Amino acid sequence: MKLLRVVIVTALAIFLTGLVSSTQGAPQCCIGGKYRATFKDSTAPDPMCQTPGEVHGGYFVFHQPQCEPRFRGTLLDAQGNKIFYITGVIAPIGEGKCKFKGTAFGVPGTEFEGENDVTMKAIFYKVGDRWHIKGTFDNPDGCDGTFKGAKQ
């Protein structure tokens, strides 16, 4: 009986050690906060895009309670006005990076009202201790393009 206990305790210790070491290498995708960002509209011809090639400044504000994989956010223009609401999911993809996929919805009462199916894809990565973001947006009712930014 004593030998059985030793075997069970040893097996449990090995299992827990493996579990801890396997999760230590996975990055935490705790990306919540405010990011200064630059957006560039695509130069490809698109009748829905009124500003091809234009560069815009703005901010992402991501809310992610307890580092949950699902989060919400707001996109602000350069003056700090809310222009899009964002919902999405984030997951670790290795090498200290996290993959984001989400949808943005135009804020009612703004020029973006009615733009409700903007698809966003991005990679979050750290430079030092600071999160950075780089991605694309696809807006069937406006411009497609790219964005990049860093947490403030």
N, C-alpha and C. Protein backbone atom coordinates (compact mmCIF):
# COMPACT_ATOMS: atom_id res chain seq x y z
N MET A 1 0.82 -1.19 0.00
CA MET A 1 0.00 0.00 0.00
C MET A 1 0.87 1.26 0.00
N LYS A 2 1.95 1.20 0.80
CA LYS A 2 2.85 2.34 0.86
C LYS A 2 3.50 2.58 -0.50
N LEU A 3 3.85 1.52 -1.20
CA LEU A 3 4.45 1.64 -2.53
C LEU A 3 3.47 2.28 -3.51
N LEU A 4 2.20 1.93 -3.42
CA LEU A 4 1.18 2.52 -4.28
C LEU A 4 1.07 4.02 -4.05
N ARG A 5 1.11 4.43 -2.79
CA ARG A 5 1.07 5.88 -2.48
C ARG A 5 2.27 6.60 -3.08
N VAL A 6 3.43 6.03 -2.96
CA VAL A 6 4.65 6.63 -3.51
C VAL A 6 4.53 6.77 -5.02
N VAL A 7 4.03 5.74 -5.68
CA VAL A 7 3.85 5.78 -7.13
C VAL A 7 2.85 6.86 -7.52
N ILE A 8 1.73 6.96 -6.82
CA ILE A 8 0.71 7.97 -7.13
C ILE A 8 1.25 9.37 -6.90
N VAL A 9 1.91 9.60 -5.78
CA VAL A 9 2.47 10.92 -5.48
C VAL A 9 3.52 11.29 -6.52
N THR A 10 4.37 10.35 -6.89
CA THR A 10 5.40 10.61 -7.90
C THR A 10 4.77 10.94 -9.25
N ALA A 11 3.78 10.17 -9.65
CA ALA A 11 3.09 10.42 -10.93
C ALA A 11 2.43 11.79 -10.92
N LEU A 12 1.80 12.16 -9.82
CA LEU A 12 1.16 13.47 -9.71
C LEU A 12 2.19 14.58 -9.79
N ALA A 13 3.32 14.41 -9.12
CA ALA A 13 4.38 15.42 -9.16
C ALA A 13 4.92 15.60 -10.58
N ILE A 14 5.12 14.50 -11.28
CA ILE A 14 5.61 14.58 -12.67
C ILE A 14 4.58 15.28 -13.55
N PHE A 15 3.31 14.95 -13.39
CA PHE A 15 2.25 15.59 -14.17
C PHE A 15 2.22 17.09 -13.92
N LEU A 16 2.25 17.50 -12.65
CA LEU A 16 2.18 18.93 -12.32
C LEU A 16 3.41 19.67 -12.81
N THR A 17 4.58 19.06 -12.72
CA THR A 17 5.80 19.69 -13.23
C THR A 17 5.70 19.89 -14.73
N GLY A 18 5.20 18.91 -15.45
CA GLY A 18 5.02 19.04 -16.90
C GLY A 18 4.01 20.10 -17.25
N LEU A 19 2.93 20.19 -16.47
CA LEU A 19 1.90 21.19 -16.73
C LEU A 19 2.44 22.59 -16.53
N VAL A 20 3.18 22.81 -15.46
CA VAL A 20 3.75 24.13 -15.18
C VAL A 20 4.75 24.50 -16.25
N SER A 21 5.65 23.60 -16.62
CA SER A 21 6.66 23.94 -17.61
C SER A 21 6.06 24.15 -18.99
N SER A 22 4.95 23.46 -19.32
CA SER A 22 4.35 23.64 -20.64
C SER A 22 3.63 24.96 -20.76
N THR A 23 3.15 25.54 -19.66
CA THR A 23 2.45 26.81 -19.73
C THR A 23 3.38 28.00 -19.53
N GLN A 24 4.59 27.76 -19.02
CA GLN A 24 5.50 28.87 -18.79
C GLN A 24 5.96 29.52 -20.08
N GLY A 25 6.10 28.75 -21.17
CA GLY A 25 6.55 29.31 -22.43
C GLY A 25 5.47 30.06 -23.19
N ALA A 26 4.20 29.85 -22.85
CA ALA A 26 3.11 30.51 -23.57
C ALA A 26 3.00 31.96 -23.13
N PRO A 27 2.94 32.89 -24.08
CA PRO A 27 2.84 34.29 -23.69
C PRO A 27 1.46 34.62 -23.13
N GLN A 28 1.42 35.57 -22.24
CA GLN A 28 0.15 36.10 -21.76
C GLN A 28 -0.30 37.15 -22.76
N CYS A 29 -1.49 37.04 -23.25
CA CYS A 29 -2.02 38.02 -24.19
C CYS A 29 -2.82 39.07 -23.43
N CYS A 30 -2.17 39.72 -22.50
CA CYS A 30 -2.80 40.78 -21.71
C CYS A 30 -2.51 42.11 -22.40
N ILE A 31 -3.32 42.46 -23.36
CA ILE A 31 -3.02 43.60 -24.24
C ILE A 31 -3.83 44.85 -23.90
N GLY A 32 -4.65 44.80 -22.87
CA GLY A 32 -5.52 45.92 -22.53
C GLY A 32 -4.75 47.22 -22.38
N GLY A 33 -5.37 48.33 -22.79
CA GLY A 33 -4.76 49.64 -22.65
C GLY A 33 -4.98 50.51 -23.87
N LYS A 34 -4.29 51.64 -23.89
CA LYS A 34 -4.43 52.62 -24.98
C LYS A 34 -3.21 52.53 -25.90
N TYR A 35 -3.47 52.49 -27.20
CA TYR A 35 -2.43 52.37 -28.21
C TYR A 35 -2.54 53.55 -29.18
N ARG A 36 -1.45 54.24 -29.40
CA ARG A 36 -1.40 55.24 -30.46
C ARG A 36 -1.17 54.47 -31.76
N ALA A 37 -1.95 54.79 -32.79
CA ALA A 37 -1.87 54.02 -34.02
C ALA A 37 -1.91 54.92 -35.25
N THR A 38 -1.39 54.38 -36.34
CA THR A 38 -1.44 55.03 -37.65
C THR A 38 -2.16 54.08 -38.60
N PHE A 39 -3.10 54.63 -39.35
CA PHE A 39 -3.90 53.86 -40.30
C PHE A 39 -3.62 54.38 -41.70
N LYS A 40 -3.42 53.47 -42.64
CA LYS A 40 -3.20 53.88 -44.03
C LYS A 40 -4.24 53.20 -44.91
N ASP A 41 -5.04 54.02 -45.59
CA ASP A 41 -6.04 53.49 -46.52
C ASP A 41 -5.34 52.93 -47.75
N SER A 42 -5.87 51.85 -48.28
CA SER A 42 -5.32 51.21 -49.46
C SER A 42 -5.37 52.15 -50.66
N THR A 43 -4.39 51.99 -51.53
CA THR A 43 -4.38 52.79 -52.77
C THR A 43 -5.08 52.05 -53.91
N ALA A 44 -5.49 50.81 -53.67
CA ALA A 44 -6.20 50.05 -54.71
C ALA A 44 -7.53 50.73 -55.03
N PRO A 45 -7.90 50.79 -56.31
CA PRO A 45 -9.17 51.42 -56.67
C PRO A 45 -10.36 50.74 -55.97
N ASP A 46 -11.17 51.54 -55.31
CA ASP A 46 -12.34 51.03 -54.60
C ASP A 46 -13.37 52.15 -54.57
N PRO A 47 -14.52 51.97 -55.20
CA PRO A 47 -15.52 53.04 -55.24
C PRO A 47 -16.05 53.42 -53.86
N MET A 48 -15.91 52.53 -52.87
CA MET A 48 -16.40 52.84 -51.52
C MET A 48 -15.41 53.68 -50.72
N CYS A 49 -14.16 53.76 -51.17
CA CYS A 49 -13.13 54.48 -50.43
C CYS A 49 -12.95 55.88 -51.00
N GLN A 50 -13.25 56.88 -50.19
CA GLN A 50 -13.13 58.28 -50.61
C GLN A 50 -11.74 58.86 -50.37
N THR A 51 -10.88 58.12 -49.64
CA THR A 51 -9.57 58.66 -49.27
C THR A 51 -8.44 57.67 -49.56
N PRO A 52 -8.30 57.17 -50.80
CA PRO A 52 -7.27 56.17 -51.07
C PRO A 52 -5.87 56.70 -50.77
N GLY A 53 -5.08 55.87 -50.08
CA GLY A 53 -3.71 56.24 -49.76
C GLY A 53 -3.55 57.19 -48.59
N GLU A 54 -4.63 57.68 -48.05
CA GLU A 54 -4.54 58.65 -46.95
C GLU A 54 -4.09 57.98 -45.66
N VAL A 55 -3.30 58.72 -44.88
CA VAL A 55 -2.81 58.24 -43.59
C VAL A 55 -3.56 58.98 -42.50
N HIS A 56 -4.08 58.23 -41.52
CA HIS A 56 -4.83 58.80 -40.41
C HIS A 56 -4.16 58.41 -39.10
N GLY A 57 -4.20 59.30 -38.14
CA GLY A 57 -3.74 58.97 -36.79
C GLY A 57 -4.94 58.66 -35.92
N GLY A 58 -4.72 57.92 -34.88
CA GLY A 58 -5.81 57.61 -33.96
C GLY A 58 -5.33 56.77 -32.80
N TYR A 59 -6.28 56.25 -32.06
CA TYR A 59 -5.98 55.46 -30.87
C TYR A 59 -6.91 54.26 -30.77
N PHE A 60 -6.37 53.15 -30.32
CA PHE A 60 -7.17 52.02 -29.89
C PHE A 60 -7.22 52.07 -28.37
N VAL A 61 -8.37 51.79 -27.80
CA VAL A 61 -8.48 51.57 -26.36
C VAL A 61 -9.10 50.19 -26.19
N PHE A 62 -8.30 49.24 -25.70
CA PHE A 62 -8.76 47.86 -25.53
C PHE A 62 -9.08 47.60 -24.07
N HIS A 63 -10.24 47.01 -23.82
CA HIS A 63 -10.68 46.62 -22.48
C HIS A 63 -10.65 45.10 -22.43
N GLN A 64 -9.86 44.55 -21.52
CA GLN A 64 -9.69 43.10 -21.45
C GLN A 64 -9.62 42.67 -19.98
N PRO A 65 -10.76 42.60 -19.30
CA PRO A 65 -10.75 42.21 -17.89
C PRO A 65 -10.11 40.84 -17.68
N GLN A 66 -9.20 40.77 -16.75
CA GLN A 66 -8.54 39.52 -16.35
C GLN A 66 -7.87 38.80 -17.52
N CYS A 67 -7.41 39.53 -18.50
CA CYS A 67 -6.68 38.96 -19.65
C CYS A 67 -7.49 37.89 -20.39
N GLU A 68 -8.79 38.03 -20.40
CA GLU A 68 -9.65 37.07 -21.09
C GLU A 68 -9.37 37.11 -22.60
N PRO A 69 -9.58 35.99 -23.31
CA PRO A 69 -9.34 35.99 -24.75
C PRO A 69 -10.33 36.85 -25.53
N ARG A 70 -11.53 37.03 -25.02
CA ARG A 70 -12.51 37.92 -25.68
C ARG A 70 -12.39 39.30 -25.05
N PHE A 71 -12.40 40.31 -25.90
CA PHE A 71 -12.32 41.66 -25.36
C PHE A 71 -13.09 42.62 -26.24
N ARG A 72 -13.20 43.83 -25.77
CA ARG A 72 -13.87 44.88 -26.54
C ARG A 72 -12.96 46.10 -26.54
N GLY A 73 -13.28 47.01 -27.43
CA GLY A 73 -12.46 48.20 -27.52
C GLY A 73 -13.16 49.32 -28.25
N THR A 74 -12.46 50.42 -28.34
CA THR A 74 -12.95 51.61 -29.03
C THR A 74 -11.82 52.14 -29.89
N LEU A 75 -12.17 52.59 -31.08
CA LEU A 75 -11.21 53.28 -31.93
C LEU A 75 -11.54 54.76 -31.86
N LEU A 76 -10.54 55.57 -31.52
CA LEU A 76 -10.70 57.01 -31.42
C LEU A 76 -9.96 57.68 -32.57
N ASP A 77 -10.50 58.79 -33.06
CA ASP A 77 -9.78 59.56 -34.07
C ASP A 77 -8.66 60.35 -33.37
N ALA A 78 -7.89 61.12 -34.14
CA ALA A 78 -6.75 61.86 -33.59
C ALA A 78 -7.17 62.88 -32.53
N GLN A 79 -8.43 63.34 -32.57
CA GLN A 79 -8.92 64.30 -31.58
C GLN A 79 -9.50 63.61 -30.34
N GLY A 80 -9.54 62.28 -30.33
CA GLY A 80 -10.06 61.54 -29.19
C GLY A 80 -11.54 61.23 -29.24
N ASN A 81 -12.18 61.45 -30.39
CA ASN A 81 -13.61 61.14 -30.55
C ASN A 81 -13.79 59.66 -30.89
N LYS A 82 -14.78 59.02 -30.28
CA LYS A 82 -15.09 57.63 -30.58
C LYS A 82 -15.63 57.53 -32.00
N ILE A 83 -15.04 56.63 -32.81
CA ILE A 83 -15.53 56.46 -34.18
C ILE A 83 -15.93 55.01 -34.50
N PHE A 84 -15.33 54.04 -33.81
CA PHE A 84 -15.70 52.64 -33.99
C PHE A 84 -15.66 51.92 -32.65
N TYR A 85 -16.57 50.97 -32.49
CA TYR A 85 -16.52 50.02 -31.37
C TYR A 85 -15.96 48.72 -31.93
N ILE A 86 -15.17 48.03 -31.13
CA ILE A 86 -14.48 46.82 -31.58
C ILE A 86 -14.80 45.67 -30.63
N THR A 87 -15.03 44.50 -31.18
CA THR A 87 -15.09 43.27 -30.39
C THR A 87 -14.15 42.28 -31.05
N GLY A 88 -13.55 41.41 -30.25
CA GLY A 88 -12.63 40.47 -30.84
C GLY A 88 -12.15 39.40 -29.90
N VAL A 89 -11.29 38.57 -30.45
CA VAL A 89 -10.69 37.46 -29.73
C VAL A 89 -9.19 37.50 -29.96
N ILE A 90 -8.43 37.18 -28.93
CA ILE A 90 -6.98 37.15 -29.04
C ILE A 90 -6.47 35.83 -28.49
N ALA A 91 -5.40 35.31 -29.12
CA ALA A 91 -4.83 34.03 -28.69
C ALA A 91 -3.32 34.04 -28.93
N PRO A 92 -2.56 33.36 -28.05
CA PRO A 92 -1.12 33.26 -28.28
C PRO A 92 -0.83 32.40 -29.51
N ILE A 93 0.22 32.80 -30.25
CA ILE A 93 0.61 32.03 -31.44
C ILE A 93 2.08 31.64 -31.39
N GLY A 94 2.72 31.82 -30.26
CA GLY A 94 4.13 31.46 -30.13
C GLY A 94 5.05 32.64 -30.35
N GLU A 95 6.31 32.45 -29.99
CA GLU A 95 7.34 33.48 -30.13
C GLU A 95 6.96 34.79 -29.46
N GLY A 96 6.17 34.73 -28.39
CA GLY A 96 5.78 35.94 -27.66
C GLY A 96 4.77 36.80 -28.37
N LYS A 97 4.10 36.26 -29.39
CA LYS A 97 3.13 37.02 -30.17
C LYS A 97 1.72 36.53 -29.91
N CYS A 98 0.76 37.40 -30.19
CA CYS A 98 -0.65 37.07 -30.04
C CYS A 98 -1.40 37.50 -31.30
N LYS A 99 -2.34 36.67 -31.72
CA LYS A 99 -3.12 36.93 -32.93
C LYS A 99 -4.49 37.46 -32.53
N PHE A 100 -4.90 38.54 -33.19
CA PHE A 100 -6.19 39.18 -32.92
C PHE A 100 -7.06 39.09 -34.16
N LYS A 101 -8.33 38.79 -33.94
CA LYS A 101 -9.31 38.84 -35.02
C LYS A 101 -10.56 39.46 -34.43
N GLY A 102 -11.10 40.47 -35.13
CA GLY A 102 -12.27 41.14 -34.59
C GLY A 102 -13.08 41.86 -35.64
N THR A 103 -14.10 42.53 -35.16
CA THR A 103 -15.01 43.29 -36.00
C THR A 103 -15.21 44.67 -35.39
N ALA A 104 -15.27 45.67 -36.25
CA ALA A 104 -15.51 47.04 -35.80
C ALA A 104 -16.86 47.51 -36.33
N PHE A 105 -17.52 48.35 -35.52
CA PHE A 105 -18.85 48.88 -35.84
C PHE A 105 -18.81 50.39 -35.70
N GLY A 106 -19.25 51.12 -36.73
CA GLY A 106 -19.26 52.58 -36.67
C GLY A 106 -20.15 53.10 -35.55
N VAL A 107 -19.66 54.11 -34.84
CA VAL A 107 -20.41 54.71 -33.73
C VAL A 107 -21.57 55.52 -34.29
N PRO A 108 -22.78 55.30 -33.77
CA PRO A 108 -23.94 56.09 -34.21
C PRO A 108 -23.69 57.59 -34.02
N GLY A 109 -24.14 58.38 -35.00
CA GLY A 109 -23.98 59.82 -34.94
C GLY A 109 -22.66 60.32 -35.50
N THR A 110 -21.80 59.40 -35.99
CA THR A 110 -20.55 59.81 -36.61
C THR A 110 -20.63 59.53 -38.11
N GLU A 111 -19.65 60.00 -38.86
CA GLU A 111 -19.62 59.73 -40.30
C GLU A 111 -19.45 58.24 -40.59
N PHE A 112 -19.09 57.46 -39.59
CA PHE A 112 -18.88 56.02 -39.77
C PHE A 112 -20.10 55.19 -39.38
N GLU A 113 -21.17 55.85 -38.98
CA GLU A 113 -22.41 55.15 -38.64
C GLU A 113 -22.84 54.30 -39.83
N GLY A 114 -23.22 53.08 -39.58
CA GLY A 114 -23.65 52.18 -40.65
C GLY A 114 -22.54 51.31 -41.20
N GLU A 115 -21.29 51.61 -40.88
CA GLU A 115 -20.18 50.76 -41.29
C GLU A 115 -20.02 49.69 -40.21
N ASN A 116 -20.73 48.58 -40.39
CA ASN A 116 -20.88 47.62 -39.30
C ASN A 116 -20.19 46.29 -39.49
N ASP A 117 -19.49 46.09 -40.55
CA ASP A 117 -18.85 44.80 -40.78
C ASP A 117 -17.37 44.96 -41.12
N VAL A 118 -16.68 45.83 -40.41
CA VAL A 118 -15.26 46.04 -40.67
C VAL A 118 -14.48 44.91 -40.00
N THR A 119 -13.82 44.10 -40.80
CA THR A 119 -13.03 42.98 -40.27
C THR A 119 -11.62 43.48 -39.97
N MET A 120 -11.14 43.12 -38.79
CA MET A 120 -9.78 43.50 -38.39
C MET A 120 -9.00 42.24 -38.03
N LYS A 121 -7.75 42.20 -38.49
CA LYS A 121 -6.83 41.12 -38.14
C LYS A 121 -5.51 41.77 -37.77
N ALA A 122 -4.87 41.25 -36.72
CA ALA A 122 -3.61 41.86 -36.30
C ALA A 122 -2.77 40.87 -35.51
N ILE A 123 -1.52 41.24 -35.38
CA ILE A 123 -0.58 40.54 -34.51
C ILE A 123 -0.13 41.53 -33.44
N PHE A 124 -0.20 41.10 -32.19
CA PHE A 124 0.38 41.86 -31.09
C PHE A 124 1.74 41.24 -30.79
N TYR A 125 2.74 42.07 -30.55
CA TYR A 125 4.07 41.58 -30.23
C TYR A 125 4.73 42.59 -29.30
N LYS A 126 5.70 42.12 -28.52
CA LYS A 126 6.37 43.01 -27.58
C LYS A 126 7.72 43.44 -28.11
N VAL A 127 8.02 44.71 -27.89
CA VAL A 127 9.35 45.24 -28.09
C VAL A 127 9.75 45.73 -26.70
N GLY A 128 10.70 45.04 -26.09
CA GLY A 128 10.99 45.29 -24.68
C GLY A 128 9.79 44.85 -23.85
N ASP A 129 9.29 45.74 -23.02
CA ASP A 129 8.11 45.43 -22.20
C ASP A 129 6.84 46.04 -22.78
N ARG A 130 6.91 46.60 -23.97
CA ARG A 130 5.78 47.35 -24.54
C ARG A 130 5.13 46.59 -25.69
N TRP A 131 3.78 46.47 -25.61
CA TRP A 131 3.03 45.81 -26.68
C TRP A 131 2.95 46.70 -27.91
N HIS A 132 3.07 46.09 -29.07
CA HIS A 132 2.88 46.75 -30.37
C HIS A 132 1.81 45.96 -31.12
N ILE A 133 1.20 46.63 -32.09
CA ILE A 133 0.16 45.98 -32.91
C ILE A 133 0.41 46.34 -34.37
N LYS A 134 0.17 45.37 -35.25
CA LYS A 134 0.29 45.59 -36.69
C LYS A 134 -0.76 44.73 -37.35
N GLY A 135 -1.58 45.35 -38.25
CA GLY A 135 -2.63 44.55 -38.85
C GLY A 135 -3.28 45.18 -40.06
N THR A 136 -4.43 44.61 -40.41
CA THR A 136 -5.19 45.07 -41.58
C THR A 136 -6.65 45.25 -41.20
N PHE A 137 -7.34 46.08 -41.98
CA PHE A 137 -8.79 46.23 -41.83
C PHE A 137 -9.42 46.13 -43.21
N ASP A 138 -10.60 45.54 -43.24
CA ASP A 138 -11.35 45.34 -44.49
C ASP A 138 -12.75 45.88 -44.26
N ASN A 139 -13.06 46.99 -44.90
CA ASN A 139 -14.33 47.67 -44.69
C ASN A 139 -15.14 47.64 -45.98
N PRO A 140 -16.17 46.81 -46.06
CA PRO A 140 -16.97 46.73 -47.29
C PRO A 140 -17.72 48.03 -47.60
N ASP A 141 -17.89 48.90 -46.60
CA ASP A 141 -18.60 50.17 -46.80
C ASP A 141 -17.68 51.38 -46.81
N GLY A 142 -16.37 51.15 -46.86
CA GLY A 142 -15.41 52.25 -46.82
C GLY A 142 -14.07 51.78 -47.34
N CYS A 143 -13.01 52.22 -46.69
CA CYS A 143 -11.66 51.88 -47.13
C CYS A 143 -11.12 50.64 -46.44
N ASP A 144 -10.30 49.90 -47.18
CA ASP A 144 -9.49 48.83 -46.61
C ASP A 144 -8.12 49.44 -46.34
N GLY A 145 -7.31 48.75 -45.55
CA GLY A 145 -5.97 49.28 -45.33
C GLY A 145 -5.21 48.55 -44.25
N THR A 146 -4.18 49.22 -43.76
CA THR A 146 -3.30 48.65 -42.75
C THR A 146 -3.21 49.60 -41.56
N PHE A 147 -2.76 49.07 -40.44
CA PHE A 147 -2.53 49.90 -39.26
C PHE A 147 -1.37 49.33 -38.45
N LYS A 148 -0.77 50.20 -37.67
CA LYS A 148 0.27 49.78 -36.75
C LYS A 148 0.28 50.75 -35.59
N GLY A 149 0.76 50.29 -34.45
CA GLY A 149 0.78 51.16 -33.28
C GLY A 149 1.50 50.53 -32.11
N ALA A 150 1.54 51.28 -31.01
CA ALA A 150 2.20 50.81 -29.80
C ALA A 150 1.43 51.30 -28.58
N LYS A 151 1.49 50.50 -27.53
CA LYS A 151 0.82 50.85 -26.28
C LYS A 151 1.53 52.06 -25.67
N GLN A 152 0.73 52.96 -25.16
CA GLN A 152 1.30 54.17 -24.56
C GLN A 152 1.70 53.92 -23.14
